[in-house]
Amino acid sequence: MAKKKPQLKRRSTRSIGSKKGKRKKSAKPKLTLKQRLARAKKLEALDAGKPVFKASRKRALESQPKTRSAPSAVITGSVGRWEKGAGNLPADVETVQSLLQTAAQKLQAPQLDPKGVDGKIAQPPRNSNTVNAIEAFQSRSNISIDGLIEPDSQTWQALLRAAGGS
């Protein structure tokens, strides 16, 4: 038997250059820890043969963000300037603040933003962002400026329309 000759390795036609021409990684957004954990749980469930999503339709609807609609946008007393006799119940103040925030976003008018929803209106002599927002809304809507919103008043109806309520 004849011995086989060892074959020489062929060099590739690719030039051997510097490593500067390396490809850059794609600009994928990095996942947060919470997203990575959720992905890992799904993969574990798939590996175990379990269904990934077990939520019922009712539960899925409950988990969706709630939007303010006409029935829930109700105030029981007046909101605004203390010196004008406003009741300023926390639930009523929160409702007005939420509607003002929504109206500020929809109308693209930052002066209508009460700068937070906390259910509180500062008492004099401090300046209240919510009262300033109410007065700015009244001015923008050509309503007499008194810094007060009462149930079923012209200001209340205009605020509901501006925020997309009823």
N, C-alpha and C. Protein backbone atom coordinates (compact mmCIF):
# COMPACT_ATOMS: atom_id res chain seq x y z
N MET A 1 0.82 -1.18 0.00
CA MET A 1 0.00 0.00 0.00
C MET A 1 0.86 1.24 0.00
N ALA A 2 0.34 2.19 -0.72
CA ALA A 2 1.08 3.44 -0.82
C ALA A 2 0.60 4.41 0.25
N LYS A 3 1.53 5.15 0.78
CA LYS A 3 1.19 6.14 1.79
C LYS A 3 0.56 7.35 1.12
N LYS A 4 -0.44 7.92 1.81
CA LYS A 4 -1.07 9.14 1.29
C LYS A 4 -0.22 10.32 1.68
N LYS A 5 -0.15 11.23 0.75
CA LYS A 5 0.59 12.45 1.06
C LYS A 5 -0.30 13.37 1.90
N PRO A 6 0.28 13.99 2.88
CA PRO A 6 -0.53 14.93 3.65
C PRO A 6 -0.86 16.14 2.79
N GLN A 7 -2.14 16.54 2.88
CA GLN A 7 -2.56 17.69 2.08
C GLN A 7 -2.22 18.98 2.81
N LEU A 8 -1.81 19.93 2.02
CA LEU A 8 -1.53 21.24 2.60
C LEU A 8 -2.83 22.00 2.78
N LYS A 9 -2.88 22.76 3.87
CA LYS A 9 -4.07 23.57 4.10
C LYS A 9 -4.05 24.76 3.17
N ARG A 10 -5.19 25.01 2.58
CA ARG A 10 -5.29 26.16 1.69
C ARG A 10 -5.63 27.39 2.51
N ARG A 11 -5.04 28.46 2.13
CA ARG A 11 -5.37 29.72 2.79
C ARG A 11 -6.62 30.29 2.16
N SER A 12 -7.45 30.88 2.97
CA SER A 12 -8.66 31.50 2.42
C SER A 12 -8.28 32.79 1.71
N THR A 13 -9.16 33.20 0.84
CA THR A 13 -8.89 34.44 0.09
C THR A 13 -9.15 35.67 0.94
N ARG A 14 -9.73 35.45 2.09
CA ARG A 14 -10.02 36.58 2.98
C ARG A 14 -8.72 37.12 3.54
N SER A 15 -8.60 38.40 3.47
CA SER A 15 -7.37 39.00 3.99
C SER A 15 -7.38 39.03 5.50
N ILE A 16 -6.23 38.88 6.03
CA ILE A 16 -6.12 38.92 7.48
C ILE A 16 -5.81 40.36 7.84
N GLY A 17 -6.81 41.05 8.40
CA GLY A 17 -6.63 42.46 8.71
C GLY A 17 -6.76 42.69 10.20
N SER A 18 -6.86 43.92 10.55
CA SER A 18 -6.99 44.26 11.96
C SER A 18 -8.41 43.96 12.43
N LYS A 19 -8.59 43.98 13.71
CA LYS A 19 -9.90 43.69 14.29
C LYS A 19 -10.80 44.92 14.31
N LYS A 20 -10.36 46.00 13.69
CA LYS A 20 -11.16 47.22 13.70
C LYS A 20 -12.44 47.06 12.89
N GLY A 21 -12.42 46.19 11.92
CA GLY A 21 -13.57 46.03 11.06
C GLY A 21 -14.64 45.11 11.64
N LYS A 22 -14.61 44.87 12.95
CA LYS A 22 -15.58 44.01 13.61
C LYS A 22 -16.98 44.58 13.49
N ARG A 23 -17.95 43.71 13.40
CA ARG A 23 -19.33 44.17 13.36
C ARG A 23 -19.74 44.67 14.74
N LYS A 24 -20.54 45.69 14.71
CA LYS A 24 -21.04 46.20 15.99
C LYS A 24 -22.30 45.45 16.34
N LYS A 25 -22.58 45.35 17.63
CA LYS A 25 -23.79 44.69 18.08
C LYS A 25 -24.99 45.52 17.68
N SER A 26 -26.10 44.86 17.43
CA SER A 26 -27.30 45.60 17.06
C SER A 26 -27.77 46.42 18.26
N ALA A 27 -28.46 47.48 17.95
CA ALA A 27 -28.89 48.39 19.00
C ALA A 27 -30.23 47.95 19.57
N LYS A 28 -30.27 46.75 20.17
CA LYS A 28 -31.49 46.27 20.81
C LYS A 28 -31.63 46.94 22.17
N PRO A 29 -32.86 47.33 22.51
CA PRO A 29 -33.03 47.92 23.84
C PRO A 29 -32.83 46.84 24.90
N LYS A 30 -32.16 47.18 25.96
CA LYS A 30 -31.91 46.24 27.03
C LYS A 30 -33.19 46.04 27.84
N LEU A 31 -33.44 44.80 28.21
CA LEU A 31 -34.63 44.48 28.98
C LEU A 31 -34.39 44.79 30.45
N THR A 32 -35.46 45.22 31.10
CA THR A 32 -35.37 45.47 32.53
C THR A 32 -35.39 44.13 33.27
N LEU A 33 -35.06 44.17 34.52
CA LEU A 33 -35.05 42.96 35.33
C LEU A 33 -36.44 42.32 35.36
N LYS A 34 -37.45 43.14 35.48
CA LYS A 34 -38.82 42.65 35.53
C LYS A 34 -39.18 41.93 34.22
N GLN A 35 -38.78 42.51 33.08
CA GLN A 35 -39.06 41.90 31.79
C GLN A 35 -38.30 40.58 31.64
N ARG A 36 -37.04 40.54 32.10
CA ARG A 36 -36.26 39.32 32.00
C ARG A 36 -36.85 38.21 32.86
N LEU A 37 -37.33 38.56 34.07
CA LEU A 37 -37.94 37.57 34.95
C LEU A 37 -39.23 37.03 34.35
N ALA A 38 -40.04 37.91 33.74
CA ALA A 38 -41.28 37.48 33.11
C ALA A 38 -40.98 36.53 31.95
N ARG A 39 -39.97 36.85 31.17
CA ARG A 39 -39.59 35.99 30.04
C ARG A 39 -39.10 34.64 30.56
N ALA A 40 -38.32 34.64 31.64
CA ALA A 40 -37.82 33.39 32.20
C ALA A 40 -38.97 32.52 32.72
N LYS A 41 -39.97 33.12 33.36
CA LYS A 41 -41.12 32.36 33.85
C LYS A 41 -41.88 31.72 32.70
N LYS A 42 -42.05 32.47 31.61
CA LYS A 42 -42.76 31.93 30.44
C LYS A 42 -42.00 30.74 29.87
N LEU A 43 -40.68 30.88 29.78
CA LEU A 43 -39.87 29.78 29.23
C LEU A 43 -39.93 28.55 30.13
N GLU A 44 -39.91 28.77 31.45
CA GLU A 44 -40.01 27.64 32.38
C GLU A 44 -41.36 26.95 32.24
N ALA A 45 -42.41 27.73 32.08
CA ALA A 45 -43.75 27.16 31.92
C ALA A 45 -43.83 26.36 30.62
N LEU A 46 -43.24 26.88 29.57
CA LEU A 46 -43.23 26.14 28.30
C LEU A 46 -42.46 24.84 28.43
N ASP A 47 -41.31 24.88 29.12
CA ASP A 47 -40.50 23.68 29.32
C ASP A 47 -41.26 22.63 30.12
N ALA A 48 -42.05 23.08 31.09
CA ALA A 48 -42.79 22.16 31.95
C ALA A 48 -44.08 21.69 31.27
N GLY A 49 -44.43 22.28 30.12
CA GLY A 49 -45.64 21.89 29.42
C GLY A 49 -46.90 22.51 29.99
N LYS A 50 -46.76 23.55 30.79
CA LYS A 50 -47.91 24.22 31.38
C LYS A 50 -48.39 25.32 30.45
N PRO A 51 -49.68 25.66 30.53
CA PRO A 51 -50.15 26.80 29.73
C PRO A 51 -49.52 28.09 30.26
N VAL A 52 -49.15 28.96 29.35
CA VAL A 52 -48.44 30.17 29.74
C VAL A 52 -49.38 31.20 30.34
N PHE A 53 -50.53 31.40 29.72
CA PHE A 53 -51.48 32.41 30.20
C PHE A 53 -52.70 31.69 30.73
N LYS A 54 -52.99 31.94 31.99
CA LYS A 54 -54.09 31.26 32.64
C LYS A 54 -55.21 32.21 33.03
N ALA A 55 -55.08 33.50 32.75
CA ALA A 55 -56.04 34.49 33.22
C ALA A 55 -57.36 34.37 32.48
N SER A 56 -58.44 34.48 33.21
CA SER A 56 -59.76 34.45 32.59
C SER A 56 -60.04 35.81 31.96
N ARG A 57 -61.07 35.87 31.15
CA ARG A 57 -61.44 37.13 30.50
C ARG A 57 -61.78 38.20 31.54
N LYS A 58 -62.51 37.80 32.57
CA LYS A 58 -62.91 38.75 33.61
C LYS A 58 -61.67 39.33 34.30
N ARG A 59 -60.72 38.46 34.62
CA ARG A 59 -59.50 38.92 35.30
C ARG A 59 -58.66 39.81 34.39
N ALA A 60 -58.63 39.46 33.10
CA ALA A 60 -57.88 40.27 32.15
C ALA A 60 -58.48 41.67 32.03
N LEU A 61 -59.80 41.75 32.02
CA LEU A 61 -60.46 43.06 31.94
C LEU A 61 -60.22 43.87 33.21
N GLU A 62 -60.18 43.19 34.35
CA GLU A 62 -59.94 43.90 35.61
C GLU A 62 -58.53 44.47 35.68
N SER A 63 -57.58 43.79 35.02
CA SER A 63 -56.20 44.24 35.09
C SER A 63 -55.89 45.38 34.14
N GLN A 64 -56.79 45.65 33.19
CA GLN A 64 -56.56 46.75 32.27
C GLN A 64 -56.74 48.07 32.99
N PRO A 65 -56.01 49.12 32.54
CA PRO A 65 -56.14 50.40 33.21
C PRO A 65 -57.55 50.96 33.08
N LYS A 66 -58.02 51.51 34.15
CA LYS A 66 -59.36 52.09 34.17
C LYS A 66 -59.33 53.49 33.57
N THR A 67 -60.31 53.78 32.75
CA THR A 67 -60.44 55.13 32.19
C THR A 67 -61.63 55.80 32.85
N ARG A 68 -61.53 57.05 33.01
CA ARG A 68 -62.59 57.80 33.65
C ARG A 68 -63.75 57.97 32.68
N SER A 69 -64.92 57.54 33.09
CA SER A 69 -66.10 57.72 32.27
C SER A 69 -67.08 58.61 33.01
N ALA A 70 -68.16 58.95 32.37
CA ALA A 70 -69.11 59.90 32.92
C ALA A 70 -69.65 59.50 34.30
N PRO A 71 -70.06 58.23 34.52
CA PRO A 71 -70.62 57.90 35.83
C PRO A 71 -69.63 58.05 36.98
N SER A 72 -68.33 57.77 36.76
CA SER A 72 -67.39 57.85 37.86
C SER A 72 -66.88 59.28 38.08
N ALA A 73 -67.09 60.16 37.10
CA ALA A 73 -66.65 61.54 37.25
C ALA A 73 -67.77 62.36 37.88
N VAL A 74 -67.86 62.25 39.19
CA VAL A 74 -68.92 62.93 39.93
C VAL A 74 -68.29 63.58 41.15
N ILE A 75 -68.72 64.80 41.44
CA ILE A 75 -68.31 65.43 42.69
C ILE A 75 -69.56 65.70 43.52
N THR A 76 -69.41 65.56 44.83
CA THR A 76 -70.56 65.73 45.72
C THR A 76 -70.62 67.14 46.31
N GLY A 77 -69.50 67.83 46.28
CA GLY A 77 -69.46 69.19 46.82
C GLY A 77 -68.54 70.07 45.99
N SER A 78 -68.39 71.31 46.43
CA SER A 78 -67.58 72.25 45.68
C SER A 78 -66.09 72.02 45.91
N VAL A 79 -65.31 72.39 44.88
CA VAL A 79 -63.86 72.22 44.93
C VAL A 79 -63.24 73.54 44.49
N GLY A 80 -62.23 74.00 45.23
CA GLY A 80 -61.55 75.22 44.83
C GLY A 80 -61.16 76.07 46.02
N ARG A 81 -61.36 77.36 45.87
CA ARG A 81 -60.94 78.34 46.89
C ARG A 81 -61.65 78.13 48.22
N TRP A 82 -60.83 77.97 49.26
CA TRP A 82 -61.38 77.83 50.62
C TRP A 82 -62.16 79.06 51.03
N GLU A 83 -61.63 80.22 50.68
CA GLU A 83 -62.28 81.47 51.11
C GLU A 83 -63.64 81.70 50.45
N LYS A 84 -63.95 80.92 49.41
CA LYS A 84 -65.27 81.02 48.75
C LYS A 84 -66.21 79.95 49.28
N GLY A 85 -65.80 79.22 50.31
CA GLY A 85 -66.65 78.23 50.96
C GLY A 85 -66.60 76.84 50.34
N ALA A 86 -65.54 76.51 49.62
CA ALA A 86 -65.44 75.19 49.00
C ALA A 86 -65.29 74.11 50.07
N GLY A 87 -65.97 72.97 49.84
CA GLY A 87 -65.90 71.85 50.78
C GLY A 87 -64.58 71.10 50.66
N ASN A 88 -64.08 70.94 49.43
CA ASN A 88 -62.79 70.30 49.14
C ASN A 88 -62.64 68.92 49.79
N LEU A 89 -63.65 68.07 49.60
CA LEU A 89 -63.52 66.69 50.06
C LEU A 89 -62.43 66.01 49.23
N PRO A 90 -61.56 65.22 49.84
CA PRO A 90 -60.44 64.61 49.11
C PRO A 90 -60.84 63.87 47.83
N ALA A 91 -61.94 63.11 47.88
CA ALA A 91 -62.38 62.36 46.69
C ALA A 91 -62.78 63.33 45.57
N ASP A 92 -63.47 64.40 45.93
CA ASP A 92 -63.88 65.40 44.94
C ASP A 92 -62.67 66.12 44.35
N VAL A 93 -61.72 66.46 45.21
CA VAL A 93 -60.51 67.16 44.75
C VAL A 93 -59.73 66.26 43.80
N GLU A 94 -59.60 64.96 44.14
CA GLU A 94 -58.90 64.03 43.26
C GLU A 94 -59.57 63.92 41.90
N THR A 95 -60.90 63.89 41.89
CA THR A 95 -61.65 63.81 40.63
C THR A 95 -61.36 65.03 39.77
N VAL A 96 -61.43 66.21 40.37
CA VAL A 96 -61.17 67.45 39.63
C VAL A 96 -59.72 67.49 39.14
N GLN A 97 -58.79 67.11 40.00
CA GLN A 97 -57.38 67.12 39.61
C GLN A 97 -57.13 66.17 38.43
N SER A 98 -57.73 64.98 38.47
CA SER A 98 -57.58 64.02 37.37
C SER A 98 -58.15 64.57 36.08
N LEU A 99 -59.33 65.18 36.16
CA LEU A 99 -59.95 65.75 34.96
C LEU A 99 -59.13 66.92 34.42
N LEU A 100 -58.58 67.73 35.31
CA LEU A 100 -57.73 68.85 34.86
C LEU A 100 -56.47 68.33 34.17
N GLN A 101 -55.88 67.26 34.71
CA GLN A 101 -54.69 66.68 34.08
C GLN A 101 -55.02 66.17 32.67
N THR A 102 -56.15 65.48 32.56
CA THR A 102 -56.57 64.94 31.26
C THR A 102 -56.84 66.07 30.28
N ALA A 103 -57.53 67.11 30.74
CA ALA A 103 -57.83 68.25 29.88
C ALA A 103 -56.54 68.96 29.45
N ALA A 104 -55.57 69.06 30.36
CA ALA A 104 -54.29 69.70 30.03
C ALA A 104 -53.58 68.93 28.93
N GLN A 105 -53.63 67.60 28.99
CA GLN A 105 -52.99 66.78 27.97
C GLN A 105 -53.73 66.87 26.64
N LYS A 106 -55.05 66.75 26.68
CA LYS A 106 -55.83 66.77 25.44
C LYS A 106 -55.78 68.12 24.75
N LEU A 107 -55.83 69.19 25.53
CA LEU A 107 -55.82 70.54 24.96
C LEU A 107 -54.41 71.08 24.77
N GLN A 108 -53.43 70.30 25.20
CA GLN A 108 -52.02 70.72 25.15
C GLN A 108 -51.85 72.10 25.79
N ALA A 109 -52.36 72.19 27.02
CA ALA A 109 -52.30 73.43 27.78
C ALA A 109 -51.72 73.13 29.16
N PRO A 110 -50.40 73.25 29.32
CA PRO A 110 -49.78 72.90 30.60
C PRO A 110 -50.25 73.75 31.79
N GLN A 111 -50.79 74.92 31.52
CA GLN A 111 -51.27 75.76 32.63
C GLN A 111 -52.51 75.15 33.31
N LEU A 112 -53.14 74.17 32.67
CA LEU A 112 -54.31 73.52 33.26
C LEU A 112 -53.93 72.34 34.16
N ASP A 113 -52.67 71.98 34.17
CA ASP A 113 -52.22 70.84 34.96
C ASP A 113 -52.08 71.22 36.43
N PRO A 114 -52.78 70.51 37.33
CA PRO A 114 -52.68 70.83 38.76
C PRO A 114 -51.39 70.33 39.40
N LYS A 115 -50.51 69.71 38.62
CA LYS A 115 -49.20 69.22 39.08
C LYS A 115 -49.33 68.16 40.16
N GLY A 116 -50.18 67.18 39.86
CA GLY A 116 -50.32 66.05 40.77
C GLY A 116 -51.75 65.83 41.21
N VAL A 117 -52.04 64.58 41.57
CA VAL A 117 -53.36 64.21 42.08
C VAL A 117 -53.15 63.69 43.49
N ASP A 118 -53.43 64.56 44.47
CA ASP A 118 -53.22 64.17 45.86
C ASP A 118 -54.46 64.36 46.73
N GLY A 119 -55.53 64.92 46.16
CA GLY A 119 -56.76 65.12 46.90
C GLY A 119 -56.70 66.26 47.89
N LYS A 120 -55.72 67.14 47.75
CA LYS A 120 -55.56 68.25 48.69
C LYS A 120 -55.50 69.58 47.95
N ILE A 121 -56.03 70.61 48.61
CA ILE A 121 -55.91 71.97 48.11
C ILE A 121 -55.30 72.79 49.23
N ALA A 122 -54.22 73.46 48.92
CA ALA A 122 -53.51 74.25 49.94
C ALA A 122 -54.42 75.37 50.44
N GLN A 123 -54.32 75.64 51.73
CA GLN A 123 -55.10 76.73 52.31
C GLN A 123 -54.26 78.00 52.29
N PRO A 124 -54.88 79.17 52.28
CA PRO A 124 -54.12 80.43 52.30
C PRO A 124 -53.23 80.47 53.52
N PRO A 125 -52.11 81.17 53.50
CA PRO A 125 -51.65 82.04 52.43
C PRO A 125 -50.85 81.33 51.34
N ARG A 126 -50.73 79.97 51.40
CA ARG A 126 -49.96 79.27 50.37
C ARG A 126 -50.71 79.29 49.05
N ASN A 127 -49.97 79.12 47.98
CA ASN A 127 -50.54 79.13 46.65
C ASN A 127 -50.91 77.70 46.25
N SER A 128 -52.11 77.48 45.73
CA SER A 128 -52.56 76.15 45.35
C SER A 128 -52.46 75.95 43.84
N ASN A 129 -51.73 74.92 43.44
CA ASN A 129 -51.63 74.60 42.01
C ASN A 129 -52.98 74.22 41.43
N THR A 130 -53.82 73.55 42.23
CA THR A 130 -55.13 73.12 41.75
C THR A 130 -56.02 74.33 41.49
N VAL A 131 -56.03 75.28 42.42
CA VAL A 131 -56.85 76.48 42.23
C VAL A 131 -56.35 77.28 41.03
N ASN A 132 -55.03 77.37 40.87
CA ASN A 132 -54.48 78.06 39.69
C ASN A 132 -54.93 77.37 38.40
N ALA A 133 -54.95 76.04 38.40
CA ALA A 133 -55.38 75.29 37.22
C ALA A 133 -56.87 75.50 36.95
N ILE A 134 -57.68 75.54 38.02
CA ILE A 134 -59.12 75.80 37.86
C ILE A 134 -59.34 77.17 37.24
N GLU A 135 -58.63 78.16 37.77
CA GLU A 135 -58.79 79.53 37.25
C GLU A 135 -58.29 79.64 35.81
N ALA A 136 -57.20 78.95 35.48
CA ALA A 136 -56.71 78.95 34.10
C ALA A 136 -57.72 78.29 33.17
N PHE A 137 -58.36 77.22 33.65
CA PHE A 137 -59.38 76.55 32.84
C PHE A 137 -60.59 77.47 32.64
N GLN A 138 -61.01 78.14 33.70
CA GLN A 138 -62.15 79.06 33.58
C GLN A 138 -61.83 80.19 32.61
N SER A 139 -60.63 80.70 32.68
CA SER A 139 -60.21 81.77 31.77
C SER A 139 -60.21 81.27 30.33
N ARG A 140 -59.64 80.10 30.10
CA ARG A 140 -59.57 79.53 28.75
C ARG A 140 -60.96 79.24 28.19
N SER A 141 -61.89 78.86 29.06
CA SER A 141 -63.24 78.50 28.64
C SER A 141 -64.21 79.69 28.63
N ASN A 142 -63.71 80.88 28.89
CA ASN A 142 -64.54 82.09 28.93
C ASN A 142 -65.68 81.97 29.94
N ILE A 143 -65.33 81.46 31.12
CA ILE A 143 -66.27 81.34 32.24
C ILE A 143 -65.79 82.30 33.31
N SER A 144 -66.73 82.88 34.07
CA SER A 144 -66.31 83.82 35.10
C SER A 144 -65.32 83.15 36.05
N ILE A 145 -64.23 83.84 36.32
CA ILE A 145 -63.13 83.27 37.10
C ILE A 145 -63.39 83.48 38.58
N ASP A 146 -63.73 82.37 39.26
CA ASP A 146 -63.91 82.45 40.71
C ASP A 146 -63.10 81.39 41.45
N GLY A 147 -62.40 80.51 40.71
CA GLY A 147 -61.56 79.49 41.35
C GLY A 147 -62.35 78.43 42.06
N LEU A 148 -63.58 78.20 41.62
CA LEU A 148 -64.49 77.28 42.29
C LEU A 148 -65.20 76.40 41.25
N ILE A 149 -65.29 75.11 41.54
CA ILE A 149 -66.06 74.18 40.71
C ILE A 149 -67.12 73.54 41.60
N GLU A 150 -68.37 73.69 41.21
CA GLU A 150 -69.48 73.11 41.96
C GLU A 150 -70.17 72.06 41.09
N PRO A 151 -70.82 71.08 41.71
CA PRO A 151 -71.52 70.06 40.92
C PRO A 151 -72.54 70.72 39.98
N ASP A 152 -72.59 70.26 38.76
CA ASP A 152 -73.52 70.73 37.73
C ASP A 152 -73.36 72.21 37.38
N SER A 153 -72.23 72.80 37.73
CA SER A 153 -72.00 74.20 37.34
C SER A 153 -71.48 74.26 35.91
N GLN A 154 -71.42 75.46 35.37
CA GLN A 154 -70.92 75.66 34.01
C GLN A 154 -69.46 75.19 33.90
N THR A 155 -68.66 75.49 34.91
CA THR A 155 -67.25 75.07 34.91
C THR A 155 -67.15 73.54 34.93
N TRP A 156 -67.97 72.88 35.75
CA TRP A 156 -67.93 71.42 35.85
C TRP A 156 -68.30 70.78 34.50
N GLN A 157 -69.36 71.27 33.86
CA GLN A 157 -69.79 70.72 32.57
C GLN A 157 -68.70 70.93 31.50
N ALA A 158 -68.09 72.10 31.50
CA ALA A 158 -67.03 72.39 30.53
C ALA A 158 -65.81 71.50 30.77
N LEU A 159 -65.50 71.24 32.04
CA LEU A 159 -64.36 70.39 32.38
C LEU A 159 -64.60 68.95 31.93
N LEU A 160 -65.81 68.46 32.13
CA LEU A 160 -66.16 67.11 31.68
C LEU A 160 -66.02 66.99 30.16
N ARG A 161 -66.49 68.01 29.45
CA ARG A 161 -66.38 67.99 27.98
C ARG A 161 -64.91 68.04 27.55
N ALA A 162 -64.13 68.90 28.19
CA ALA A 162 -62.72 69.06 27.82
C ALA A 162 -61.91 67.79 28.09
N ALA A 163 -62.25 67.10 29.16
CA ALA A 163 -61.52 65.88 29.52
C ALA A 163 -62.04 64.66 28.76
N GLY A 164 -63.15 64.86 28.04
CA GLY A 164 -63.68 63.75 27.24
C GLY A 164 -64.65 62.89 28.01
N GLY A 165 -65.15 63.39 29.12
CA GLY A 165 -66.11 62.62 29.92
C GLY A 165 -67.46 62.58 29.26
N SER A 166 -68.40 63.40 29.68
CA SER A 166 -69.74 63.39 29.10
C SER A 166 -70.02 64.68 28.38
